[in-house]
Amino acid sequence: MPADLHPLPVPVSPLDGESGRSYLFRVARQNGLTLRRMLEWSGVCSLESVSRSDVEILSYVAQCPRAWLTPRLPGTRERNHARFARLFGFTWSSRAALRGAHPQICPQCVREYGACREAWELTGIYGCPRHECILVDGCSRCGCRLTWDRPAFDVCRCGAFLSRSDRSLAASQLSWLRTLDDALNRRFIHRLADELPLWLRALSPDGLFWCCHAFGVRRDPSERVHLPGSNRSVDRPELIKALDRGVDRVRQYVDFQSAAPKELVSLIHDEGLERLELRGGTEADRFVAAGLREWLRDFPRVGTSRSGRRPTRQMDLFRGDHDA
């Protein structure tokens, strides 16, 4: 801890469901600073990946319990000599599942709630179920993507106020958003349970996102797909369409009781499932991804496949009566 560092004079209380970056933004503004200036003064280079020592400094400066702030700021962890993102107590197989330096907001929520919700940090949370609209991630006046370096939550760096999107959400999209939010908050309710297989309850928010992404990212069998390496390479309009297709395909086809339909197999992005199988943050994520890949390769859960092969593992996790 630098000797000349001291707590900021105006303490700010965290809000329930608020992201760590949102909280630090409010702390800076309440003390007459920008977030960037507060970080520079604290000696913290970035909030893209925060070390333990950085969290200690920030919690001291903000007068905030370190136990609250630590899981709400992005960090890293290592497993099998590979590095993974860590946020909200989850391990993320790819940073593309997180918004990172480019936030998204619901301007109406910001004005009512006074902060940014932690769910908005997820790439897959592209809309606001409360106000049934698409989240705003850019400025309609200057055309720039939002960053955390701006005057206020609902004001762009160019000075323009951010207005609510006029694009509404379909019922199936609202169900998806609530399901992913349930997974993030470990509620395990999964509101899509009536429409989607119950094995989805076992997945982390990262696993849920990438499974549905793999099922929907390809529009037709001939389309080439490149796995996004960071959130900067994710095209959000295309992402929303991909998740819509993925949710619909999972709902229609995946029951593991019979072989995968031939028309479905060529549409699924196997490389995405393979990455989740290798890099998934939970055992359930890795197991489900492996099971999906086996199923798509003609390994049903019971009996024999079309080619006469028998399943290579017990698929109890995929039983229709499983309750995680």
Protein backbone atom coordinates (compact mmCIF):
# COMPACT_ATOMS: atom_id res chain seq x y z
CA MET A 1 0.00 0.00 0.00
CA PRO A 2 1.60 3.34 -1.03
CA ALA A 3 2.38 5.52 1.99
CA ASP A 4 0.72 8.63 0.53
CA LEU A 5 -2.51 6.81 -0.34
CA HIS A 6 -5.57 7.50 1.80
CA PRO A 7 -9.30 6.71 1.69
CA LEU A 8 -11.44 9.10 -0.32
CA PRO A 9 -13.41 11.45 1.94
CA VAL A 10 -16.92 10.60 0.69
CA PRO A 11 -17.80 6.93 1.27
CA VAL A 12 -20.37 5.28 -1.00
CA SER A 13 -22.44 2.22 -0.14
CA PRO A 14 -22.65 -0.59 -2.72
CA LEU A 15 -26.08 -1.36 -4.12
CA ASP A 16 -27.60 -4.82 -4.27
CA GLY A 17 -26.87 -6.35 -7.67
CA GLU A 18 -24.38 -3.64 -8.67
CA SER A 19 -21.22 -4.45 -10.63
CA GLY A 20 -17.81 -3.63 -9.18
CA ARG A 21 -16.94 -1.22 -11.97
CA SER A 22 -20.23 0.60 -11.49
CA TYR A 23 -19.53 0.96 -7.78
CA LEU A 24 -16.03 2.38 -8.36
CA PHE A 25 -17.46 4.74 -10.99
CA ARG A 26 -19.91 6.08 -8.39
CA VAL A 27 -17.17 6.41 -5.78
CA ALA A 28 -15.05 8.45 -8.18
CA ARG A 29 -17.92 10.74 -9.21
CA GLN A 30 -19.03 11.34 -5.61
CA ASN A 31 -15.49 12.46 -4.82
CA GLY A 32 -15.18 14.80 -7.81
CA LEU A 33 -13.03 12.47 -9.92
CA THR A 34 -13.39 10.50 -13.10
CA LEU A 35 -12.92 6.75 -12.84
CA ARG A 36 -9.74 6.98 -14.88
CA ARG A 37 -8.32 9.69 -12.61
CA MET A 38 -9.14 7.68 -9.50
CA LEU A 39 -7.38 4.62 -10.92
CA GLU A 40 -4.30 6.66 -11.86
CA TRP A 41 -4.16 8.19 -8.38
CA SER A 42 -4.52 4.72 -6.83
CA GLY A 43 -1.80 3.26 -9.04
CA VAL A 44 -4.16 0.73 -10.65
CA CYS A 45 -3.48 0.41 -14.36
CA SER A 46 -6.76 -1.09 -15.54
CA LEU A 47 -9.99 -2.77 -14.49
CA GLU A 48 -9.74 -5.34 -17.29
CA SER A 49 -7.98 -7.84 -15.02
CA VAL A 50 -7.46 -6.81 -11.42
CA SER A 51 -4.85 -8.39 -9.15
CA ARG A 52 -5.34 -9.11 -5.46
CA SER A 53 -3.12 -6.18 -4.54
CA ASP A 54 -5.16 -3.90 -6.82
CA VAL A 55 -8.38 -4.99 -5.13
CA GLU A 56 -6.82 -4.34 -1.73
CA ILE A 57 -5.89 -0.80 -2.79
CA LEU A 58 -9.29 -0.07 -4.36
CA SER A 59 -11.23 -1.40 -1.38
CA TYR A 60 -9.08 0.77 0.92
CA VAL A 61 -9.51 3.90 -1.21
CA ALA A 62 -13.27 3.37 -1.62
CA GLN A 63 -13.77 2.29 2.01
CA CYS A 64 -15.49 -0.83 0.74
CA PRO A 65 -15.24 -4.38 2.17
CA ARG A 66 -12.72 -6.32 0.13
CA ALA A 67 -14.88 -9.45 0.37
CA TRP A 68 -17.67 -7.62 -1.49
CA LEU A 69 -15.47 -6.04 -4.15
CA THR A 70 -13.20 -8.99 -5.04
CA PRO A 71 -15.72 -11.23 -6.88
CA ARG A 72 -17.25 -8.22 -8.65
CA LEU A 73 -14.06 -7.15 -10.41
CA PRO A 74 -12.55 -9.23 -13.24
CA GLY A 75 -9.50 -11.28 -12.37
CA THR A 76 -7.72 -14.36 -13.63
CA ARG A 77 -7.07 -17.89 -12.45
CA GLU A 78 -4.84 -20.64 -13.79
CA ARG A 79 -5.78 -24.25 -14.39
CA ASN A 80 -3.62 -26.84 -16.12
CA HIS A 81 -1.16 -24.14 -17.21
CA ALA A 82 -3.94 -22.16 -18.91
CA ARG A 83 -5.29 -18.77 -17.82
CA PHE A 84 -9.00 -18.10 -17.40
CA ALA A 85 -11.11 -15.04 -16.61
CA ARG A 86 -12.76 -14.90 -13.19
CA LEU A 87 -15.81 -12.78 -12.35
CA PHE A 88 -18.82 -13.04 -10.00
CA GLY A 89 -17.38 -16.24 -8.54
CA PHE A 90 -17.39 -18.01 -11.92
CA THR A 91 -14.60 -19.10 -14.23
CA TRP A 92 -15.19 -18.07 -17.84
CA SER A 93 -13.88 -20.20 -20.70
CA SER A 94 -13.53 -17.12 -22.92
CA ARG A 95 -13.50 -13.39 -22.21
CA ALA A 96 -15.87 -13.02 -25.15
CA ALA A 97 -18.65 -14.00 -22.73
CA LEU A 98 -17.95 -10.75 -20.81
CA ARG A 99 -18.39 -7.16 -21.96
CA GLY A 100 -15.09 -5.96 -20.53
CA ALA A 101 -14.12 -2.40 -21.40
CA HIS A 102 -17.31 -1.73 -23.40
CA PRO A 103 -20.33 -1.61 -21.07
CA GLN A 104 -23.98 -1.75 -21.98
CA ILE A 105 -26.82 -0.14 -20.06
CA CYS A 106 -30.54 0.33 -19.83
CA PRO A 107 -30.85 4.13 -19.49
CA GLN A 108 -34.22 3.80 -17.80
CA CYS A 109 -32.80 1.36 -15.21
CA VAL A 110 -29.84 3.66 -14.60
CA ARG A 111 -32.15 6.57 -13.81
CA GLU A 112 -34.33 4.46 -11.51
CA TYR A 113 -31.60 2.33 -9.91
CA GLY A 114 -28.72 4.82 -9.94
CA ALA A 115 -26.04 2.35 -11.05
CA CYS A 116 -25.14 -0.41 -13.53
CA ARG A 117 -26.33 -3.93 -12.81
CA GLU A 118 -23.81 -6.76 -12.63
CA ALA A 119 -25.80 -8.80 -15.18
CA TRP A 120 -24.98 -6.18 -17.83
CA GLU A 121 -21.34 -7.33 -17.68
CA LEU A 122 -22.37 -10.53 -19.51
CA THR A 123 -22.33 -10.56 -23.31
CA GLY A 124 -25.37 -12.84 -23.33
CA ILE A 125 -27.45 -10.36 -21.31
CA TYR A 126 -28.19 -8.10 -24.26
CA GLY A 127 -31.54 -6.79 -23.05
CA CYS A 128 -33.41 -5.55 -19.99
CA PRO A 129 -36.23 -7.88 -18.90
CA ARG A 130 -37.61 -5.19 -16.56
CA HIS A 131 -38.20 -2.66 -19.35
CA GLU A 132 -38.32 -5.22 -22.19
CA CYS A 133 -35.81 -3.42 -24.39
CA ILE A 134 -32.36 -3.97 -25.91
CA LEU A 135 -29.49 -2.59 -23.82
CA VAL A 136 -27.64 0.43 -25.19
CA ASP A 137 -23.94 -0.07 -25.91
CA GLY A 138 -23.26 2.90 -28.17
CA CYS A 139 -24.07 6.55 -28.67
CA SER A 140 -26.63 7.47 -31.32
CA ARG A 141 -25.05 10.92 -31.74
CA CYS A 142 -21.33 10.20 -32.16
CA GLY A 143 -21.63 6.51 -33.06
CA CYS A 144 -18.95 5.42 -30.59
CA ARG A 145 -19.16 2.38 -28.34
CA LEU A 146 -19.57 3.10 -24.67
CA THR A 147 -16.59 2.98 -22.33
CA TRP A 148 -16.24 3.43 -18.58
CA ASP A 149 -14.49 6.74 -19.24
CA ARG A 150 -17.57 8.97 -19.51
CA PRO A 151 -19.14 11.77 -17.46
CA ALA A 152 -22.10 9.78 -16.10
CA PHE A 153 -23.73 6.39 -16.51
CA ASP A 154 -26.31 7.73 -18.96
CA VAL A 155 -24.03 10.22 -20.74
CA CYS A 156 -21.60 9.46 -23.56
CA ARG A 157 -18.06 10.87 -23.68
CA CYS A 158 -19.32 13.27 -26.35
CA GLY A 159 -21.79 14.74 -23.84
CA ALA A 160 -24.94 13.27 -25.35
CA PHE A 161 -27.53 11.72 -23.07
CA LEU A 162 -28.16 8.05 -23.78
CA SER A 163 -31.76 7.23 -24.54
CA ARG A 164 -33.61 3.95 -24.23
CA SER A 165 -33.55 1.66 -27.24
CA ASP A 166 -36.82 1.54 -29.15
CA ARG A 167 -36.26 -2.11 -30.03
CA SER A 168 -38.48 -4.36 -27.92
CA LEU A 169 -37.84 -7.96 -26.90
CA ALA A 170 -39.80 -11.06 -27.86
CA ALA A 171 -41.20 -13.39 -25.18
CA SER A 172 -38.58 -16.06 -25.95
CA GLN A 173 -35.80 -13.48 -25.61
CA LEU A 174 -37.13 -12.33 -22.25
CA SER A 175 -37.15 -15.95 -21.07
CA TRP A 176 -33.54 -16.39 -22.18
CA LEU A 177 -32.41 -13.22 -20.40
CA ARG A 178 -34.14 -14.23 -17.17
CA THR A 179 -32.69 -17.73 -17.41
CA LEU A 180 -29.14 -16.44 -17.80
CA ASP A 181 -29.70 -14.00 -14.94
CA ASP A 182 -30.95 -16.89 -12.77
CA ALA A 183 -27.77 -18.83 -13.56
CA LEU A 184 -25.62 -15.80 -12.73
CA ASN A 185 -27.31 -15.43 -9.36
CA ARG A 186 -27.29 -19.20 -8.70
CA ARG A 187 -31.04 -19.27 -8.36
CA PHE A 188 -31.29 -22.42 -10.51
CA ILE A 189 -34.91 -21.60 -11.34
CA HIS A 190 -34.26 -21.50 -15.08
CA ARG A 191 -37.52 -20.08 -16.33
CA LEU A 192 -37.07 -21.90 -19.65
CA ALA A 193 -37.52 -25.25 -17.92
CA ASP A 194 -40.97 -25.69 -19.48
CA GLU A 195 -39.53 -25.10 -22.94
CA LEU A 196 -35.94 -26.33 -22.70
CA PRO A 197 -34.34 -29.51 -21.31
CA LEU A 198 -33.85 -29.54 -17.56
CA TRP A 199 -30.14 -30.41 -17.93
CA LEU A 200 -29.57 -26.72 -18.63
CA ARG A 201 -30.03 -26.15 -14.89
CA ALA A 202 -26.67 -27.80 -14.27
CA LEU A 203 -24.73 -25.26 -16.33
CA SER A 204 -22.92 -22.15 -15.18
CA PRO A 205 -23.80 -18.88 -16.98
CA ASP A 206 -20.69 -19.40 -19.11
CA GLY A 207 -21.71 -22.94 -20.06
CA LEU A 208 -25.30 -21.91 -20.74
CA PHE A 209 -24.16 -19.07 -23.02
CA TRP A 210 -21.64 -21.10 -25.03
CA CYS A 211 -23.91 -24.14 -25.46
CA CYS A 212 -26.70 -22.02 -26.94
CA HIS A 213 -24.14 -20.03 -28.95
CA ALA A 214 -22.73 -23.23 -30.48
CA PHE A 215 -26.21 -24.39 -31.44
CA GLY A 216 -27.17 -21.11 -33.11
CA VAL A 217 -24.07 -19.38 -34.46
CA ARG A 218 -24.28 -21.16 -37.82
CA ARG A 219 -27.20 -20.14 -40.04
CA ASP A 220 -26.60 -22.86 -42.63
CA PRO A 221 -24.22 -25.84 -42.88
CA SER A 222 -21.82 -24.09 -45.28
CA GLU A 223 -21.24 -21.04 -43.07
CA ARG A 224 -17.72 -20.71 -41.66
CA VAL A 225 -17.50 -19.75 -38.01
CA HIS A 226 -14.58 -18.25 -36.14
CA LEU A 227 -14.58 -18.43 -32.36
CA PRO A 228 -14.37 -14.91 -30.90
CA GLY A 229 -11.19 -14.39 -28.95
CA SER A 230 -12.40 -11.30 -27.08
CA ASN A 231 -15.55 -9.25 -26.63
CA ARG A 232 -14.27 -6.78 -29.25
CA SER A 233 -14.87 -9.31 -32.02
CA VAL A 234 -18.49 -10.04 -31.09
CA ASP A 235 -21.05 -8.41 -33.39
CA ARG A 236 -24.03 -7.92 -31.06
CA PRO A 237 -26.87 -7.95 -33.65
CA GLU A 238 -25.49 -11.22 -35.03
CA LEU A 239 -24.99 -12.54 -31.50
CA ILE A 240 -28.65 -11.92 -30.64
CA LYS A 241 -29.75 -13.77 -33.78
CA ALA A 242 -27.37 -16.64 -32.98
CA LEU A 243 -28.69 -17.01 -29.43
CA ASP A 244 -32.28 -16.89 -30.69
CA ARG A 245 -31.51 -19.73 -33.13
CA GLY A 246 -29.56 -21.66 -30.51
CA VAL A 247 -32.30 -21.52 -27.90
CA ASP A 248 -34.87 -22.61 -30.49
CA ARG A 249 -32.74 -25.53 -31.71
CA VAL A 250 -31.98 -26.78 -28.21
CA ARG A 251 -35.67 -26.57 -27.35
CA GLN A 252 -36.71 -28.50 -30.45
CA TYR A 253 -34.10 -31.21 -30.75
CA VAL A 254 -31.97 -32.01 -27.70
CA ASP A 255 -33.48 -34.81 -25.63
CA PHE A 256 -30.64 -37.40 -25.72
CA GLN A 257 -33.22 -40.18 -25.97
CA SER A 258 -32.65 -40.68 -29.70
CA ALA A 259 -29.91 -39.92 -32.18
CA ALA A 260 -29.39 -36.32 -33.25
CA PRO A 261 -31.37 -35.42 -36.39
CA LYS A 262 -29.17 -35.39 -39.48
CA GLU A 263 -30.37 -31.93 -40.46
CA LEU A 264 -29.20 -30.56 -37.10
CA VAL A 265 -25.71 -32.07 -36.89
CA SER A 266 -24.17 -29.98 -39.67
CA LEU A 267 -25.55 -26.76 -38.14
CA ILE A 268 -23.86 -27.09 -34.74
CA HIS A 269 -20.49 -25.46 -34.17
CA ASP A 270 -18.50 -28.38 -32.79
CA GLU A 271 -15.38 -26.27 -32.15
CA GLY A 272 -17.35 -24.12 -29.72
CA LEU A 273 -18.52 -27.19 -27.78
CA GLU A 274 -14.98 -28.59 -27.88
CA ARG A 275 -13.60 -25.44 -26.30
CA LEU A 276 -16.22 -25.61 -23.56
CA GLU A 277 -15.38 -29.28 -23.00
CA LEU A 278 -11.69 -28.40 -22.56
CA ARG A 279 -11.98 -25.00 -20.85
CA GLY A 280 -15.35 -25.05 -19.09
CA GLY A 281 -15.22 -23.52 -15.63
CA THR A 282 -17.30 -26.21 -13.93
CA GLU A 283 -17.34 -30.00 -14.17
CA ALA A 284 -20.96 -29.82 -15.32
CA ASP A 285 -20.04 -27.44 -18.18
CA ARG A 286 -17.31 -29.78 -19.39
CA PHE A 287 -19.47 -32.87 -18.98
CA VAL A 288 -22.45 -31.41 -20.83
CA ALA A 289 -20.26 -30.16 -23.69
CA ALA A 290 -18.68 -33.60 -24.03
CA GLY A 291 -22.10 -35.24 -23.92
CA LEU A 292 -23.47 -32.94 -26.59
CA ARG A 293 -20.51 -33.71 -28.84
CA GLU A 294 -21.03 -37.46 -28.36
CA TRP A 295 -24.74 -37.12 -29.05
CA LEU A 296 -24.07 -35.17 -32.24
CA ARG A 297 -21.63 -37.92 -33.26
CA ASP A 298 -24.41 -40.51 -33.02
CA PHE A 299 -24.01 -41.67 -29.41
CA PRO A 300 -27.51 -41.73 -27.84
CA ARG A 301 -27.83 -42.02 -24.07
CA VAL A 302 -29.44 -45.48 -24.16
CA GLY A 303 -29.49 -48.33 -26.64
CA THR A 304 -27.45 -48.23 -29.81
CA SER A 305 -26.87 -45.52 -32.37
CA ARG A 306 -27.90 -45.56 -36.00
CA SER A 307 -24.58 -47.22 -36.76
CA GLY A 308 -24.95 -49.75 -33.93
CA ARG A 309 -22.52 -48.10 -31.47
CA ARG A 310 -23.32 -47.94 -27.78
CA PRO A 311 -22.83 -44.88 -25.55
CA THR A 312 -19.34 -44.57 -24.07
CA ARG A 313 -20.40 -42.95 -20.77
CA GLN A 314 -23.30 -42.73 -18.38
CA MET A 315 -25.44 -39.75 -19.33
CA ASP A 316 -27.39 -39.49 -16.05
CA LEU A 317 -26.94 -35.73 -16.07
CA PHE A 318 -29.12 -35.55 -19.18
CA ARG A 319 -32.12 -37.46 -17.84
CA GLY A 320 -35.34 -35.54 -18.27
CA ASP A 321 -36.10 -35.90 -14.54
CA HIS A 322 -32.74 -34.51 -13.39
CA ASP A 323 -33.10 -31.66 -10.92
CA ALA A 324 -29.83 -29.78 -10.30
